Amino acid sequence: MDIKDTARLLDGAGVSAFLRSLPAQPLLLGLGEARHFVGELGEVRNEIFRHLVEHEGYRSFAIESDCLMGLVVDDYLATGAGTLDDVMERGFSHNFGEFPANRELVRWMRAYNEEHDEKLRFFGFDSPLEYWAASPRQALTGLYDLLDGPLPCTRETLDTLLGPDEPWSNEAAAMDPSQSIGQSADAQRLRLIADDLVALLDTQAPRLSAEDRERAELYGRTAVGLLRYHYWMADASPARWTRLSALRDAMMAANLRAIAEHGPALVFSSNLHLQRNKSVMSFGDQQLEWWSAGAITATRLGDRYAFLASAFGTVGDDAPPPDTVEGVLSTLPWDQSLIDARGLAEAITEPAPRVSRDFAYFPLDPAQLGMIDGIVFLKQAVELKKLG
């Protein structure tokens, strides 16, 4: 098979043809990033999403950003209250609010909502954490305030147990378990309270509006997830980082399952979080392995989950060797291509793995092509930014 038989120009017609080739209409279409902050990929993503909205009935967009901060963006899309500058500052984590393509996407989504009755939704699906984690205060108090009595404790007791936010968000605890407060007596009591509040939410769901119920469920799974993450941050065993990495992706997957209820949605995140296979990462002298959010989500959604990985030819001034997957794809006649990944796996045999000089770029794993539905390939990625 010639590789040209597996590829097409990346445009609206190509995206629609790709969707028709899938065994089922996906509730979640994952578009992976081979590298964060690539301007060309951000522009391509926006074009794909606009096409999906205008021609394929998509109404939701999700990004690898703090799920609670994402509420700021979603509220802005619904009401237009506030300024775009403020929304970009308060509505994104990981410095994603500084990325021009994200600003343009939010601006376009708000303009769309002003002109249409059927509104677009925005979701962050990462938890409020990096390697360290934020305080569970917003999630716990948000859930508490949406529920009715009898409650498992008073609001004053909840505030006392939470204490100041600084010990929770201590970045040093990421590398030093002894600085984590996640296994303190107060933190363990908060885990029990969070469990009781989530159970109480189930009993009170009928009295809540759909909007309040959706928000309460988000607060509940975020509070439980954060407290669990903090608990294991205090663990000093060799399995600590594997467990923390797995917990983060499991929290992402829980948010993705909730977003799927508003599907179909385009999900934008690192290839490593959206792939169906295990994630593998070197961390110091350890080799960490855990199941990605995409793998977990695919076990729940089956054919209703689809994954487009992205890949680049020349990254900055780093060109791919001709015997790598990216090198082979660089011979295609288009600057931007959409490739049937499984067909590509049959068309090329034993490609060499690529080792990029750009440490922030994660090349395609030739052994995993059969686990990918499609590849968004950009022949050049020149507009590279490292923000923050």
Protein backbone atom coordinates (compact mmCIF):
# COMPACT_ATOMS: atom_id res chain seq x y z
CA MET A 1 0.00 0.00 0.00
CA ASP A 2 1.28 3.46 -0.92
CA ILE A 3 1.23 5.91 2.00
CA LYS A 4 -0.66 8.39 -0.20
CA ASP A 5 -3.56 5.93 -0.14
CA THR A 6 -3.77 6.36 3.64
CA ALA A 7 -3.71 10.19 3.61
CA ARG A 8 -5.79 13.14 2.52
CA LEU A 9 -5.56 16.90 2.67
CA LEU A 10 -6.46 18.18 6.13
CA ASP A 11 -9.54 20.32 5.49
CA GLY A 12 -13.22 20.27 6.40
CA ALA A 13 -14.08 17.64 3.81
CA GLY A 14 -11.22 15.49 5.07
CA VAL A 15 -12.39 15.76 8.68
CA SER A 16 -15.95 14.80 7.74
CA ALA A 17 -14.69 11.88 5.65
CA PHE A 18 -12.60 10.71 8.59
CA LEU A 19 -15.65 10.79 10.88
CA ARG A 20 -17.65 8.76 8.34
CA SER A 21 -14.90 6.14 8.27
CA LEU A 22 -15.24 5.42 11.99
CA PRO A 23 -17.39 2.50 13.21
CA ALA A 24 -19.58 4.90 15.24
CA GLN A 25 -20.07 8.63 15.71
CA PRO A 26 -17.74 9.53 18.60
CA LEU A 27 -19.08 11.26 21.68
CA LEU A 28 -15.51 12.37 22.33
CA LEU A 29 -13.05 13.11 19.53
CA GLY A 30 -9.58 13.49 21.00
CA LEU A 31 -7.09 15.70 19.18
CA GLY A 32 -3.67 15.15 20.70
CA GLU A 33 -0.74 17.52 21.02
CA ALA A 34 2.72 16.21 20.23
CA ARG A 35 3.99 19.42 21.84
CA HIS A 36 2.30 22.18 23.81
CA PHE A 37 2.26 25.77 22.51
CA VAL A 38 2.64 25.08 18.78
CA GLY A 39 0.97 27.99 17.01
CA GLU A 40 0.28 26.12 13.77
CA LEU A 41 -1.44 23.26 15.62
CA GLY A 42 -3.57 25.71 17.61
CA GLU A 43 -4.77 27.30 14.38
CA VAL A 44 -5.51 23.90 12.82
CA ARG A 45 -7.40 22.85 15.97
CA ASN A 46 -9.57 25.97 15.79
CA GLU A 47 -10.37 25.30 12.12
CA ILE A 48 -11.29 21.70 12.90
CA PHE A 49 -13.54 22.75 15.78
CA ARG A 50 -15.30 25.39 13.69
CA HIS A 51 -15.98 22.78 11.02
CA LEU A 52 -17.26 20.29 13.60
CA VAL A 53 -19.63 22.90 15.03
CA GLU A 54 -20.92 24.15 11.69
CA HIS A 55 -21.19 20.82 9.87
CA GLU A 56 -21.10 17.92 12.35
CA GLY A 57 -23.25 19.06 15.26
CA TYR A 58 -20.46 19.47 17.83
CA ARG A 59 -21.32 21.81 20.70
CA SER A 60 -18.58 21.25 23.29
CA PHE A 61 -14.85 21.83 23.53
CA ALA A 62 -12.61 20.43 26.29
CA ILE A 63 -8.97 21.19 27.01
CA GLU A 64 -6.24 19.89 29.34
CA SER A 65 -6.76 22.69 31.85
CA ASP A 66 -8.07 23.07 35.40
CA CYS A 67 -11.71 21.91 35.43
CA LEU A 68 -12.72 24.48 38.06
CA MET A 69 -11.03 27.37 36.29
CA GLY A 70 -12.83 26.25 33.13
CA LEU A 71 -16.12 27.28 34.76
CA VAL A 72 -15.00 30.90 34.29
CA VAL A 73 -14.73 30.40 30.53
CA ASP A 74 -18.01 28.49 30.28
CA ASP A 75 -19.86 31.20 32.23
CA TYR A 76 -18.39 33.85 29.91
CA LEU A 77 -19.55 31.95 26.84
CA ALA A 78 -23.05 31.77 28.30
CA THR A 79 -23.40 35.33 29.56
CA GLY A 80 -20.67 37.50 28.05
CA ALA A 81 -20.12 39.00 31.51
CA GLY A 82 -16.63 40.36 32.14
CA THR A 83 -13.81 40.91 29.70
CA LEU A 84 -11.94 38.51 27.46
CA ASP A 85 -8.66 39.54 29.10
CA ASP A 86 -9.96 38.59 32.53
CA VAL A 87 -11.37 35.28 31.28
CA MET A 88 -8.09 34.29 29.68
CA GLU A 89 -6.24 35.10 32.91
CA ARG A 90 -8.60 33.37 35.34
CA GLY A 91 -10.07 30.62 33.16
CA PHE A 92 -6.99 28.56 32.27
CA SER A 93 -4.20 26.76 34.09
CA HIS A 94 -0.71 25.79 32.82
CA ASN A 95 -0.31 29.23 31.16
CA PHE A 96 -2.75 28.15 28.44
CA GLY A 97 -4.56 31.48 28.73
CA GLU A 98 -1.50 33.15 27.19
CA PHE A 99 -1.67 31.01 24.04
CA PRO A 100 -3.07 33.11 21.15
CA ALA A 101 -5.01 30.21 19.62
CA ASN A 102 -6.90 29.70 22.90
CA ARG A 103 -7.83 33.37 23.03
CA GLU A 104 -9.09 33.25 19.45
CA LEU A 105 -11.10 30.10 20.20
CA VAL A 106 -12.84 31.66 23.22
CA ARG A 107 -13.56 34.83 21.23
CA TRP A 108 -15.09 32.80 18.39
CA MET A 109 -17.16 30.61 20.71
CA ARG A 110 -18.60 33.67 22.47
CA ALA A 111 -19.45 35.30 19.11
CA TYR A 112 -21.15 32.07 18.02
CA ASN A 113 -23.25 31.96 21.19
CA GLU A 114 -24.39 35.53 20.66
CA GLU A 115 -25.85 34.54 17.29
CA HIS A 116 -27.28 31.06 17.98
CA ASP A 117 -29.88 29.63 20.32
CA GLU A 118 -28.04 26.32 20.73
CA LYS A 119 -25.03 27.30 22.81
CA LEU A 120 -21.45 26.07 22.81
CA ARG A 121 -19.91 24.76 26.02
CA PHE A 122 -16.32 24.94 27.28
CA PHE A 123 -14.76 22.46 29.72
CA GLY A 124 -11.42 22.05 31.41
CA PHE A 125 -10.88 18.37 32.13
CA ASP A 126 -7.64 18.39 34.12
CA SER A 127 -7.82 18.53 37.90
CA PRO A 128 -6.51 21.55 39.88
CA LEU A 129 -3.02 20.12 40.06
CA GLU A 130 0.33 19.99 38.36
CA TYR A 131 2.86 17.70 40.05
CA TRP A 132 1.64 19.30 43.27
CA ALA A 133 -2.04 19.88 44.00
CA ALA A 134 -4.26 22.81 44.95
CA SER A 135 -6.36 23.14 48.07
CA PRO A 136 -9.66 21.24 47.96
CA ARG A 137 -11.39 24.32 49.42
CA GLN A 138 -13.22 25.51 46.29
CA ALA A 139 -14.51 22.06 45.44
CA LEU A 140 -15.54 21.11 48.98
CA THR A 141 -17.20 24.40 49.89
CA GLY A 142 -18.83 24.64 46.47
CA LEU A 143 -20.41 21.22 46.94
CA TYR A 144 -21.34 21.96 50.55
CA ASP A 145 -23.15 25.16 49.61
CA LEU A 146 -25.28 23.43 46.98
CA LEU A 147 -26.59 20.81 49.42
CA ASP A 148 -29.33 20.94 52.03
CA GLY A 149 -29.27 19.56 55.59
CA PRO A 150 -28.65 17.42 57.47
CA LEU A 151 -24.98 17.90 56.53
CA PRO A 152 -22.06 15.90 58.00
CA CYS A 153 -20.50 18.98 59.66
CA THR A 154 -20.99 22.70 60.03
CA ARG A 155 -19.51 25.14 57.52
CA GLU A 156 -17.30 26.49 60.33
CA THR A 157 -15.93 22.99 61.00
CA LEU A 158 -15.24 22.54 57.30
CA ASP A 159 -13.33 25.83 57.16
CA THR A 160 -11.35 24.91 60.29
CA LEU A 161 -10.35 21.51 58.90
CA LEU A 162 -9.29 23.07 55.60
CA GLY A 163 -7.18 25.71 57.31
CA PRO A 164 -5.08 28.07 55.17
CA ASP A 165 -4.54 27.18 51.50
CA GLU A 166 -0.74 27.54 51.53
CA PRO A 167 0.11 24.16 53.12
CA TRP A 168 -2.12 22.41 50.59
CA SER A 169 -0.52 24.15 47.60
CA ASN A 170 3.08 23.82 48.82
CA GLU A 171 5.02 23.00 45.64
CA ALA A 172 7.90 21.53 47.66
CA ALA A 173 5.59 18.66 48.66
CA ALA A 174 5.80 17.38 45.09
CA MET A 175 9.39 16.20 45.67
CA ASP A 176 9.35 15.88 49.45
CA PRO A 177 6.52 13.71 50.85
CA SER A 178 7.27 14.88 54.39
CA GLN A 179 6.02 18.37 53.43
CA SER A 180 2.60 17.09 52.35
CA ILE A 181 -0.33 17.45 54.76
CA GLY A 182 -2.36 14.87 52.84
CA GLN A 183 -2.22 12.22 55.58
CA SER A 184 -2.80 14.54 58.53
CA ALA A 185 -5.73 13.85 60.84
CA ASP A 186 -7.62 16.86 59.46
CA ALA A 187 -7.05 15.78 55.86
CA GLN A 188 -8.25 12.26 56.56
CA ARG A 189 -11.37 13.60 58.25
CA LEU A 190 -11.98 15.78 55.19
CA ARG A 191 -11.85 12.66 53.00
CA LEU A 192 -14.69 11.17 55.04
CA ILE A 193 -16.68 14.41 54.86
CA ALA A 194 -16.17 14.57 51.07
CA ASP A 195 -17.43 11.01 50.76
CA ASP A 196 -20.51 11.86 52.85
CA LEU A 197 -21.20 15.00 50.79
CA VAL A 198 -21.01 13.05 47.51
CA ALA A 199 -23.40 10.44 48.91
CA LEU A 200 -25.71 13.23 50.07
CA LEU A 201 -25.66 14.71 46.58
CA ASP A 202 -27.08 11.47 45.21
CA THR A 203 -29.97 11.66 47.67
CA GLN A 204 -30.70 15.31 46.82
CA ALA A 205 -30.16 15.25 43.05
CA PRO A 206 -33.89 15.57 42.22
CA ARG A 207 -34.22 18.94 43.97
CA LEU A 208 -31.30 20.52 42.10
CA SER A 209 -31.54 22.19 38.73
CA ALA A 210 -29.65 20.53 35.89
CA GLU A 211 -27.01 23.28 36.06
CA ASP A 212 -26.56 23.00 39.83
CA ARG A 213 -26.47 19.20 39.65
CA GLU A 214 -23.78 19.28 36.96
CA ARG A 215 -21.70 21.73 38.99
CA ALA A 216 -22.18 19.81 42.25
CA GLU A 217 -21.05 16.57 40.58
CA LEU A 218 -17.95 18.36 39.27
CA TYR A 219 -17.19 19.73 42.73
CA GLY A 220 -17.74 16.30 44.28
CA ARG A 221 -15.42 14.30 42.03
CA THR A 222 -12.80 17.09 42.19
CA ALA A 223 -12.86 17.23 46.00
CA VAL A 224 -12.60 13.46 46.34
CA GLY A 225 -9.87 13.27 43.70
CA LEU A 226 -7.80 16.10 45.19
CA LEU A 227 -7.95 14.68 48.71
CA ARG A 228 -6.94 11.26 47.38
CA TYR A 229 -4.06 12.85 45.45
CA HIS A 230 -2.89 14.77 48.53
CA TYR A 231 -3.00 11.57 50.58
CA TRP A 232 -0.62 9.83 48.19
CA MET A 233 1.62 12.88 47.91
CA ALA A 234 2.52 12.11 51.53
CA ASP A 235 3.50 8.55 50.60
CA ALA A 236 7.24 7.88 50.59
CA SER A 237 7.18 4.47 48.89
CA PRO A 238 8.86 3.81 45.48
CA ALA A 239 5.40 3.55 43.90
CA ARG A 240 4.56 7.18 44.77
CA TRP A 241 5.03 8.80 41.36
CA THR A 242 3.44 5.96 39.42
CA ARG A 243 0.38 6.21 41.66
CA LEU A 244 0.18 10.01 41.42
CA SER A 245 0.48 9.92 37.62
CA ALA A 246 -2.24 7.30 37.40
CA LEU A 247 -4.52 9.23 39.75
CA ARG A 248 -4.23 12.38 37.65
CA ASP A 249 -5.24 10.57 34.48
CA ALA A 250 -8.05 8.78 36.29
CA MET A 251 -9.40 12.18 37.40
CA MET A 252 -9.13 13.42 33.81
CA ALA A 253 -11.04 10.35 32.64
CA ALA A 254 -13.83 10.95 35.16
CA ASN A 255 -14.23 14.49 33.82
CA LEU A 256 -14.21 13.21 30.24
CA ARG A 257 -17.03 10.77 31.00
CA ALA A 258 -19.09 13.67 32.33
CA ILE A 259 -18.26 15.80 29.26
CA ALA A 260 -19.35 12.92 27.00
CA GLU A 261 -22.88 13.44 28.31
CA HIS A 262 -22.80 16.78 26.44
CA GLY A 263 -21.23 15.21 23.36
CA PRO A 264 -20.16 15.17 20.72
CA ALA A 265 -17.15 17.13 21.98
CA LEU A 266 -13.66 17.87 20.70
CA VAL A 267 -11.02 17.17 23.37
CA PHE A 268 -7.60 18.82 23.08
CA SER A 269 -4.71 17.55 25.17
CA SER A 270 -1.29 15.96 25.03
CA ASN A 271 -1.07 12.80 22.94
CA LEU A 272 0.17 11.08 26.10
CA HIS A 273 -3.10 11.76 27.93
CA LEU A 274 -5.42 10.87 25.05
CA GLN A 275 -3.70 7.75 23.68
CA ARG A 276 -5.24 4.31 24.18
CA ASN A 277 -2.00 2.64 25.24
CA LYS A 278 -0.08 2.94 28.49
CA SER A 279 1.85 6.11 29.17
CA VAL A 280 5.55 5.62 29.85
CA MET A 281 7.82 8.32 31.26
CA SER A 282 11.35 8.41 32.63
CA PHE A 283 11.43 10.16 36.00
CA GLY A 284 14.87 10.35 37.57
CA ASP A 285 16.04 6.76 37.87
CA GLN A 286 12.48 5.41 37.58
CA GLN A 287 10.47 4.29 34.57
CA LEU A 288 6.84 5.20 35.25
CA GLU A 289 3.99 3.37 33.53
CA TRP A 290 0.27 4.06 33.93
CA TRP A 291 -2.94 3.97 31.90
CA SER A 292 -3.76 7.26 30.22
CA ALA A 293 -7.05 9.13 30.45
CA GLY A 294 -7.77 8.14 26.85
CA ALA A 295 -7.21 4.45 27.59
CA ILE A 296 -9.53 4.61 30.61
CA THR A 297 -12.16 6.57 28.65
CA ALA A 298 -12.01 4.14 25.73
CA THR A 299 -12.82 1.23 28.04
CA ARG A 300 -16.04 3.04 28.99
CA LEU A 301 -17.06 4.53 25.65
CA GLY A 302 -15.72 1.92 23.24
CA ASP A 303 -16.27 3.04 19.64
CA ARG A 304 -17.77 6.31 20.90
CA TYR A 305 -14.21 7.46 21.66
CA ALA A 306 -11.86 8.34 18.78
CA PHE A 307 -8.29 9.59 18.87
CA LEU A 308 -6.41 11.77 16.41
CA ALA A 309 -2.74 12.06 17.35
CA SER A 310 -0.75 15.00 16.05
CA ALA A 311 2.76 14.74 14.66
CA PHE A 312 5.18 17.19 13.07
CA GLY A 313 7.85 16.89 10.44
CA THR A 314 10.38 19.63 11.04
CA VAL A 315 10.13 20.95 14.59
CA GLY A 316 11.91 24.30 14.73
CA ASP A 317 15.13 23.40 12.92
CA ASP A 318 14.96 19.69 13.79
CA ALA A 319 14.07 17.65 10.68
CA PRO A 320 13.02 14.00 11.04
CA PRO A 321 15.26 11.23 9.66
CA PRO A 322 13.70 9.75 6.50
CA ASP A 323 13.23 6.28 8.03
CA THR A 324 11.00 7.53 10.89
CA VAL A 325 7.22 7.78 10.71
CA GLU A 326 7.47 11.58 10.62
CA GLY A 327 10.13 11.35 7.91
CA VAL A 328 7.91 9.15 5.75
CA LEU A 329 4.91 11.44 6.26
CA SER A 330 7.04 14.44 5.27
CA THR A 331 7.04 13.09 1.70
CA LEU A 332 3.29 13.71 1.40
CA PRO A 333 2.36 16.54 -0.99
CA TRP A 334 0.39 18.58 1.56
CA ASP A 335 1.63 20.87 4.32
CA GLN A 336 -1.19 19.59 6.51
CA SER A 337 -2.47 16.03 6.18
CA LEU A 338 -4.97 13.70 7.82
CA ILE A 339 -3.80 10.09 7.84
CA ASP A 340 -5.52 6.77 8.53
CA ALA A 341 -3.12 5.54 11.22
CA ARG A 342 -4.03 1.87 10.98
CA GLY A 343 -3.63 1.95 7.22
CA LEU A 344 -0.28 3.66 7.70
CA ALA A 345 0.82 0.86 10.05
CA GLU A 346 0.23 -1.60 7.20
CA ALA A 347 1.89 0.61 4.58
CA ILE A 348 5.22 1.13 6.33
CA THR A 349 7.21 -1.66 7.91
CA GLU A 350 9.62 -1.33 10.82
CA PRO A 351 10.10 2.45 10.83
CA ALA A 352 12.81 3.74 13.12
CA PRO A 353 11.81 5.59 16.28
CA ARG A 354 12.48 9.31 16.12
CA VAL A 355 14.64 11.04 18.70
CA SER A 356 13.97 14.77 18.58
CA ARG A 357 16.39 17.46 19.67
CA ASP A 358 13.34 19.37 20.96
CA PHE A 359 12.81 17.81 24.40
CA ALA A 360 9.25 19.18 24.49
CA TYR A 361 8.24 17.23 21.35
CA PHE A 362 6.99 13.67 21.83
CA PRO A 363 7.45 11.72 18.56
CA LEU A 364 5.02 9.07 17.39
CA ASP A 365 5.71 5.58 18.72
CA PRO A 366 5.82 3.36 15.60
CA ALA A 367 4.71 0.37 17.65
CA GLN A 368 1.45 2.08 18.63
CA LEU A 369 0.12 3.21 15.23
CA GLY A 370 -2.53 0.51 15.34
CA MET A 371 -3.96 2.05 18.54
CA ILE A 372 -4.56 5.43 16.86
CA ASP A 373 -7.56 6.24 14.65
CA GLY A 374 -5.89 9.03 12.70
CA ILE A 375 -2.91 11.38 12.57
CA VAL A 376 -3.01 15.14 12.06
CA PHE A 377 0.35 15.77 10.44
CA LEU A 378 1.95 19.19 10.00
CA LYS A 379 4.99 19.19 7.75
CA GLN A 380 6.50 22.06 9.73
CA ALA A 381 6.03 23.35 13.28
CA VAL A 382 7.87 26.65 13.37
CA GLU A 383 5.82 28.76 15.78
CA LEU A 384 6.97 27.21 19.05
CA LYS A 385 6.45 28.93 22.38
CA LYS A 386 7.41 28.11 25.90
CA LEU A 387 5.30 30.34 28.13
CA GLY A 388 5.42 30.99 31.83
